[in-house]
Amino acid sequence: MELVYGDTIQQRLNEVIPEYIAVAFVGIDWERFINRENIKEIIVSPTIGSNPRAITNLVSILGWEKVFFLKQLHSKIYIGSKTKSALVGSFNLTANGLEAGIANLYEAGYFINEPDKIGELRQLFAEYKELSLVEFPDIHSKQQALDELYQQWGRKGLFDTDDGNVGDLLSYDLNAGQQFYICWFNEDLHLSEEAQRIEGIIDNWIAFADVDADYLVENRWILCWKANNNGLPNMHAKPYWLYIHKIINNGSNDPDYPVLAIQFDDELPPPPFSLDNIEEIAEFKKILNDKIYQSFISTNEDIWSISNTENDFFNFMTYWQNAVRNVN
């Protein structure tokens, strides 16, 4: 057993070649310290100290079956079964935790290579995993926790525009869960008196039906596309992203669509993916125009509800991504 601190933390971590990791927090830059190909399982806390984009990245690489959540986890354990060694200490899987001096944090721990101690750590990891399966027994529960973490980061303005470049449609990982809505709009909308009081700080808005008030979530993106009077997409208007800073139940004067989702004139987190690719947008509009998923289309006969798109969201996105792949 050896005490490690400062630069020796990274040195020993490289020697361990971690395969089983249990840490409270994971940062966006975790791949600077861990080779993705070596990880067999990881347990993290889906709380404010973990970057949700980092977790999404882990899920994209490993799959949900190898990523586990344990909210009260505070340990930092890195186990290498091939090297029969481990690192245990105060250092999370973040730049702050593993790069000496980057945040004026004094981290320390122990490098361990005694067989009996490695066995105990493997047993402890297994116990953490069992606890995580009780707390988050399936993929859906983990996706919900990740979605809540995205919302928390959005509310607190923690996202950095440097948290990785905004990728294209094909780089968006559906395994992370539904991180945005897809919604049509038209320009025949007027703010209510309540919304007009804050009009000076409003950058954009979109309206929804009464029944959607409980379905919509603040600090989530909307992919907005302009609809013609027949409910089909306007082929000349470009879709855009709108970020929901606030929801006002009586924010619109439209009696059918009184619920207003507002984007303030403020700094925004990175959107899920870029909408600049012409071919991707063409395929998006084609899916809508062909009415492949009717729930996204307004017929003008009934009041349209975005909550009806929930069951079709993943099918729509999968179809869209596959259509773009086929074009490429």
Protein backbone atom coordinates (compact mmCIF):
# COMPACT_ATOMS: atom_id res chain seq x y z
CA MET A 1 0.00 0.00 0.00
CA GLU A 2 1.36 3.40 -1.00
CA LEU A 3 0.17 6.93 -0.20
CA VAL A 4 -0.43 8.92 -3.40
CA TYR A 5 -0.99 12.64 -3.90
CA GLY A 6 -0.20 15.35 -6.42
CA ASP A 7 1.20 14.09 -9.71
CA THR A 8 1.54 10.54 -8.40
CA ILE A 9 -2.25 10.12 -8.50
CA GLN A 10 -2.33 10.12 -12.31
CA GLN A 11 0.82 8.07 -12.54
CA ARG A 12 -0.60 5.31 -10.39
CA LEU A 13 -4.00 5.54 -12.09
CA ASN A 14 -2.32 4.78 -15.42
CA GLU A 15 -0.64 1.76 -13.86
CA VAL A 16 -3.90 0.43 -12.40
CA ILE A 17 -5.70 0.46 -15.80
CA PRO A 18 -9.15 0.74 -14.14
CA GLU A 19 -11.87 -1.65 -15.23
CA TYR A 20 -14.31 -1.22 -12.33
CA ILE A 21 -14.91 2.35 -11.20
CA ALA A 22 -17.10 3.73 -8.42
CA VAL A 23 -16.97 7.50 -8.06
CA ALA A 24 -19.29 10.17 -6.76
CA PHE A 25 -18.80 12.51 -9.70
CA VAL A 26 -17.74 12.27 -13.32
CA GLY A 27 -16.62 15.22 -15.45
CA ILE A 28 -16.90 15.98 -19.15
CA ASP A 29 -13.17 15.33 -19.55
CA TRP A 30 -13.13 11.83 -18.02
CA GLU A 31 -11.57 10.25 -21.14
CA ARG A 32 -8.39 12.21 -20.55
CA PHE A 33 -7.72 9.95 -17.59
CA ILE A 34 -9.41 6.61 -18.38
CA ASN A 35 -9.22 4.47 -21.51
CA ARG A 36 -12.82 3.78 -22.51
CA GLU A 37 -11.92 0.35 -23.86
CA ASN A 38 -10.82 -0.86 -20.44
CA ILE A 39 -13.99 -0.01 -18.51
CA LYS A 40 -16.22 -2.96 -17.71
CA GLU A 41 -18.59 -1.29 -15.23
CA ILE A 42 -18.91 2.12 -13.61
CA ILE A 43 -21.05 3.39 -10.73
CA VAL A 44 -21.64 7.14 -10.36
CA SER A 45 -23.89 9.45 -8.39
CA PRO A 46 -26.45 11.16 -10.70
CA THR A 47 -26.34 14.32 -8.60
CA ILE A 48 -25.28 17.91 -9.23
CA GLY A 49 -21.53 17.21 -9.07
CA SER A 50 -21.71 14.91 -12.11
CA ASN A 51 -21.86 16.42 -15.56
CA PRO A 52 -24.93 14.94 -17.32
CA ARG A 53 -23.19 15.19 -20.69
CA ALA A 54 -20.34 13.09 -19.30
CA ILE A 55 -22.82 10.45 -18.17
CA THR A 56 -24.49 10.53 -21.58
CA ASN A 57 -21.06 9.99 -23.12
CA LEU A 58 -20.43 7.00 -20.84
CA VAL A 59 -23.79 5.48 -21.76
CA SER A 60 -23.10 6.01 -25.44
CA ILE A 61 -19.82 4.11 -25.13
CA LEU A 62 -20.67 1.42 -22.57
CA GLY A 63 -24.45 1.07 -22.76
CA TRP A 64 -26.89 1.40 -19.86
CA GLU A 65 -26.20 -2.17 -18.74
CA LYS A 66 -22.68 -1.16 -17.64
CA VAL A 67 -23.50 2.25 -16.14
CA PHE A 68 -25.04 2.22 -12.65
CA PHE A 69 -26.42 5.02 -10.47
CA LEU A 70 -26.16 5.34 -6.69
CA LYS A 71 -27.21 8.74 -5.36
CA GLN A 72 -25.47 8.55 -1.98
CA LEU A 73 -22.20 7.25 -3.41
CA HIS A 74 -19.24 9.25 -2.13
CA SER A 75 -16.41 6.73 -2.56
CA LYS A 76 -13.75 7.04 -5.23
CA ILE A 77 -12.52 3.59 -6.20
CA TYR A 78 -10.61 2.52 -9.32
CA ILE A 79 -9.96 -1.23 -9.64
CA GLY A 80 -7.81 -2.96 -12.24
CA SER A 81 -8.46 -6.70 -12.30
CA LYS A 82 -5.75 -7.40 -14.87
CA THR A 83 -3.11 -5.46 -12.95
CA LYS A 84 -4.46 -6.71 -9.61
CA SER A 85 -4.20 -3.22 -8.21
CA ALA A 86 -6.46 -0.33 -7.23
CA LEU A 87 -6.54 3.34 -6.39
CA VAL A 88 -8.73 4.62 -3.55
CA GLY A 89 -8.94 8.18 -2.30
CA SER A 90 -10.61 11.57 -2.52
CA PHE A 91 -10.32 12.03 -6.29
CA ASN A 92 -13.41 11.96 -8.50
CA LEU A 93 -13.27 11.14 -12.20
CA THR A 94 -12.87 14.82 -13.07
CA ALA A 95 -10.05 17.17 -14.01
CA ASN A 96 -10.42 18.84 -10.61
CA GLY A 97 -9.92 15.51 -8.90
CA LEU A 98 -7.15 14.02 -11.00
CA GLU A 99 -5.05 16.93 -12.23
CA ALA A 100 -2.82 18.20 -9.46
CA GLY A 101 -3.21 21.90 -8.82
CA ILE A 102 -5.88 22.63 -11.45
CA ALA A 103 -8.43 23.77 -8.88
CA ASN A 104 -6.21 24.24 -5.84
CA LEU A 105 -7.64 21.05 -4.40
CA TYR A 106 -5.43 18.81 -2.32
CA GLU A 107 -6.32 15.23 -3.19
CA ALA A 108 -4.82 12.11 -1.66
CA GLY A 109 -5.38 8.39 -1.49
CA TYR A 110 -3.74 5.00 -1.62
CA PHE A 111 -2.38 2.76 -4.35
CA ILE A 112 -3.18 -0.82 -3.37
CA ASN A 113 -1.78 -4.07 -4.78
CA GLU A 114 -2.27 -6.53 -1.91
CA PRO A 115 -4.45 -9.42 -3.20
CA ASP A 116 -6.63 -9.60 -0.08
CA LYS A 117 -7.36 -5.86 -0.22
CA ILE A 118 -8.20 -6.03 -3.93
CA GLY A 119 -10.65 -8.83 -3.15
CA GLU A 120 -12.30 -6.68 -0.47
CA LEU A 121 -12.62 -3.78 -2.88
CA ARG A 122 -14.20 -6.02 -5.52
CA GLN A 123 -16.68 -7.19 -2.89
CA LEU A 124 -17.44 -3.59 -1.91
CA PHE A 125 -17.98 -2.71 -5.57
CA ALA A 126 -20.42 -5.62 -5.89
CA GLU A 127 -22.33 -4.35 -2.82
CA TYR A 128 -22.55 -0.86 -4.32
CA LYS A 129 -23.84 -2.39 -7.54
CA GLU A 130 -26.56 -4.31 -5.68
CA LEU A 131 -27.63 -1.09 -3.94
CA SER A 132 -27.74 0.73 -7.24
CA LEU A 133 -30.01 -1.94 -8.74
CA VAL A 134 -32.44 -1.43 -5.87
CA GLU A 135 -32.44 2.34 -6.31
CA PHE A 136 -32.46 2.32 -10.13
CA PRO A 137 -33.69 -1.13 -11.21
CA ASP A 138 -34.07 -0.49 -14.94
CA ILE A 139 -33.02 1.71 -17.83
CA HIS A 140 -36.13 3.89 -17.58
CA SER A 141 -35.41 4.84 -13.96
CA LYS A 142 -31.81 5.72 -14.87
CA GLN A 143 -32.94 7.78 -17.85
CA GLN A 144 -35.34 9.70 -15.59
CA ALA A 145 -32.53 10.42 -13.14
CA LEU A 146 -30.30 11.63 -15.95
CA ASP A 147 -33.09 13.84 -17.30
CA GLU A 148 -33.54 15.38 -13.83
CA LEU A 149 -29.80 16.03 -13.69
CA TYR A 150 -29.93 17.82 -17.06
CA GLN A 151 -32.73 19.99 -15.69
CA GLN A 152 -30.77 20.79 -12.53
CA TRP A 153 -27.73 21.84 -14.54
CA GLY A 154 -29.95 23.96 -16.76
CA ARG A 155 -31.63 25.72 -13.83
CA LYS A 156 -28.29 26.53 -12.23
CA GLY A 157 -26.64 27.60 -15.49
CA LEU A 158 -23.83 25.08 -15.07
CA PHE A 159 -23.45 24.10 -18.70
CA ASP A 160 -20.37 25.49 -20.37
CA THR A 161 -20.48 26.08 -24.11
CA ASP A 162 -17.10 24.33 -24.13
CA ASP A 163 -18.63 21.11 -22.72
CA GLY A 164 -17.85 19.43 -26.02
CA ASN A 165 -18.77 20.75 -29.45
CA VAL A 166 -22.38 20.55 -30.56
CA GLY A 167 -22.52 17.52 -32.83
CA ASP A 168 -24.79 16.64 -35.71
CA LEU A 169 -27.95 14.55 -35.65
CA LEU A 170 -26.12 11.23 -35.94
CA SER A 171 -23.96 12.06 -32.92
CA TYR A 172 -27.04 12.39 -30.70
CA ASP A 173 -27.39 9.28 -28.55
CA LEU A 174 -30.98 8.16 -28.00
CA ASN A 175 -29.85 5.91 -25.13
CA ALA A 176 -29.63 8.99 -22.93
CA GLY A 177 -33.42 9.40 -22.95
CA GLN A 178 -35.65 12.17 -24.25
CA GLN A 179 -33.77 15.44 -23.72
CA PHE A 180 -36.02 17.62 -25.90
CA TYR A 181 -39.45 17.95 -27.50
CA ILE A 182 -40.43 18.27 -31.16
CA CYS A 183 -43.17 20.82 -31.84
CA TRP A 184 -44.75 22.77 -34.71
CA PHE A 185 -45.53 26.47 -34.50
CA ASN A 186 -47.21 29.24 -36.44
CA GLU A 187 -46.92 32.99 -36.07
CA ASP A 188 -50.51 33.76 -35.02
CA LEU A 189 -49.78 34.10 -31.32
CA HIS A 190 -50.15 36.98 -28.87
CA LEU A 191 -48.90 37.22 -25.31
CA SER A 192 -51.32 37.53 -22.43
CA GLU A 193 -51.14 40.50 -20.04
CA GLU A 194 -49.24 38.31 -17.58
CA ALA A 195 -46.58 37.45 -20.15
CA GLN A 196 -46.41 41.02 -21.46
CA ARG A 197 -45.15 42.15 -18.06
CA ILE A 198 -41.87 40.33 -18.73
CA GLU A 199 -41.81 40.76 -22.50
CA GLY A 200 -38.64 42.83 -22.25
CA ILE A 201 -36.58 39.80 -21.17
CA ILE A 202 -38.26 37.27 -23.46
CA ASP A 203 -36.32 36.18 -26.52
CA ASN A 204 -38.77 33.61 -27.94
CA TRP A 205 -41.83 31.60 -27.05
CA ILE A 206 -44.16 28.84 -28.19
CA ALA A 207 -47.66 27.93 -26.98
CA PHE A 208 -49.24 24.63 -25.92
CA ALA A 209 -52.61 23.22 -24.90
CA ASP A 210 -53.86 23.26 -21.31
CA VAL A 211 -53.39 19.51 -21.02
CA ASP A 212 -49.65 19.92 -21.66
CA ALA A 213 -49.00 22.10 -18.60
CA ASP A 214 -48.01 19.12 -16.46
CA TYR A 215 -46.16 17.34 -19.26
CA LEU A 216 -43.76 20.12 -20.19
CA VAL A 217 -40.58 20.52 -18.17
CA GLU A 218 -38.53 23.67 -17.76
CA ASN A 219 -34.84 23.61 -18.70
CA ARG A 220 -35.41 21.36 -21.67
CA TRP A 221 -35.05 22.12 -25.39
CA ILE A 222 -37.76 22.20 -28.05
CA LEU A 223 -37.03 21.50 -31.71
CA CYS A 224 -39.44 23.95 -33.34
CA TRP A 225 -40.63 23.63 -36.94
CA LYS A 226 -42.98 25.97 -38.77
CA ALA A 227 -46.28 24.48 -39.97
CA ASN A 228 -48.47 25.63 -42.83
CA ASN A 229 -52.23 25.98 -42.42
CA ASN A 230 -52.66 22.33 -43.44
CA GLY A 231 -50.45 21.23 -40.52
CA LEU A 232 -47.57 20.10 -42.74
CA PRO A 233 -44.10 21.65 -42.59
CA ASN A 234 -43.24 24.88 -44.34
CA MET A 235 -40.51 23.76 -46.71
CA HIS A 236 -38.80 27.17 -46.71
CA ALA A 237 -38.60 27.84 -42.97
CA LYS A 238 -35.65 26.44 -41.07
CA PRO A 239 -36.31 24.57 -37.79
CA TYR A 240 -34.66 26.02 -34.72
CA TRP A 241 -34.03 25.29 -31.05
CA LEU A 242 -35.95 26.98 -28.22
CA TYR A 243 -34.87 26.53 -24.61
CA ILE A 244 -37.59 26.46 -21.95
CA HIS A 245 -36.53 28.81 -19.18
CA LYS A 246 -40.05 29.27 -17.84
CA ILE A 247 -43.58 27.98 -18.36
CA ILE A 248 -46.58 30.33 -17.84
CA ASN A 249 -49.92 28.55 -17.76
CA ASN A 250 -51.85 31.59 -18.99
CA GLY A 251 -49.14 33.18 -21.07
CA SER A 252 -50.95 33.19 -24.43
CA ASN A 253 -54.23 34.80 -25.51
CA ASP A 254 -55.06 31.78 -27.66
CA PRO A 255 -57.82 29.90 -25.76
CA ASP A 256 -56.80 26.60 -27.39
CA TYR A 257 -53.10 27.03 -26.62
CA PRO A 258 -52.76 29.16 -23.45
CA VAL A 259 -49.65 27.53 -21.96
CA LEU A 260 -46.53 29.48 -22.90
CA ALA A 261 -42.99 28.06 -22.96
CA ILE A 262 -40.53 30.97 -22.80
CA GLN A 263 -36.89 31.37 -23.68
CA PHE A 264 -35.34 34.36 -21.95
CA ASP A 265 -32.77 36.66 -23.52
CA ASP A 266 -30.02 34.90 -21.59
CA GLU A 267 -27.04 32.57 -21.95
CA LEU A 268 -28.07 29.13 -23.17
CA PRO A 269 -26.60 25.65 -22.70
CA PRO A 270 -25.49 23.78 -25.83
CA PRO A 271 -28.45 22.31 -27.77
CA PRO A 272 -28.72 18.53 -28.28
CA PHE A 273 -27.34 18.77 -31.82
CA SER A 274 -26.85 21.22 -34.69
CA LEU A 275 -29.65 22.05 -37.13
CA ASP A 276 -27.32 23.39 -39.82
CA ASN A 277 -27.09 20.29 -42.02
CA ILE A 278 -29.31 20.77 -45.09
CA GLU A 279 -29.71 17.04 -45.78
CA GLU A 280 -30.69 16.30 -42.18
CA ILE A 281 -33.34 19.03 -42.21
CA ALA A 282 -34.66 17.83 -45.57
CA GLU A 283 -35.15 14.31 -44.16
CA PHE A 284 -36.79 15.76 -41.04
CA LYS A 285 -39.36 17.64 -43.12
CA LYS A 286 -39.92 14.65 -45.38
CA ILE A 287 -40.88 12.48 -42.39
CA LEU A 288 -43.36 15.13 -41.27
CA ASN A 289 -44.69 15.73 -44.77
CA ASP A 290 -45.25 12.00 -45.33
CA LYS A 291 -47.20 11.83 -42.04
CA ILE A 292 -45.23 8.78 -40.92
CA TYR A 293 -45.80 9.78 -37.29
CA GLN A 294 -49.20 11.46 -37.12
CA SER A 295 -48.86 12.55 -33.49
CA PHE A 296 -46.47 15.33 -34.52
CA ILE A 297 -48.96 16.80 -37.02
CA SER A 298 -51.83 19.17 -36.21
CA THR A 299 -55.00 18.42 -38.16
CA ASN A 300 -56.65 21.71 -37.12
CA GLU A 301 -59.74 19.68 -36.28
CA ASP A 302 -58.80 19.07 -32.66
CA ILE A 303 -56.57 20.81 -30.18
CA TRP A 304 -53.10 19.36 -30.65
CA SER A 305 -51.21 18.09 -27.61
CA ILE A 306 -47.45 17.60 -27.47
CA SER A 307 -47.89 14.94 -24.79
CA ASN A 308 -49.28 12.67 -27.53
CA THR A 309 -45.85 12.64 -29.19
CA GLU A 310 -44.15 10.98 -26.22
CA ASN A 311 -44.72 7.41 -27.38
CA ASP A 312 -43.53 8.23 -30.91
CA PHE A 313 -40.49 10.33 -30.01
CA PHE A 314 -37.86 7.57 -30.06
CA ASN A 315 -39.35 5.95 -33.17
CA PHE A 316 -39.34 9.32 -34.93
CA MET A 317 -35.74 10.06 -33.96
CA THR A 318 -34.56 6.56 -34.93
CA TYR A 319 -36.33 6.83 -38.29
CA TRP A 320 -34.78 10.27 -38.87
CA GLN A 321 -31.26 9.12 -38.01
CA ASN A 322 -31.59 6.03 -40.22
CA ALA A 323 -32.93 8.12 -43.10
CA VAL A 324 -29.89 10.42 -42.89
CA ARG A 325 -27.54 7.41 -42.77
CA ASN A 326 -29.16 6.02 -45.91
CA VAL A 327 -28.69 9.34 -47.71
CA ASN A 328 -25.03 9.44 -46.68
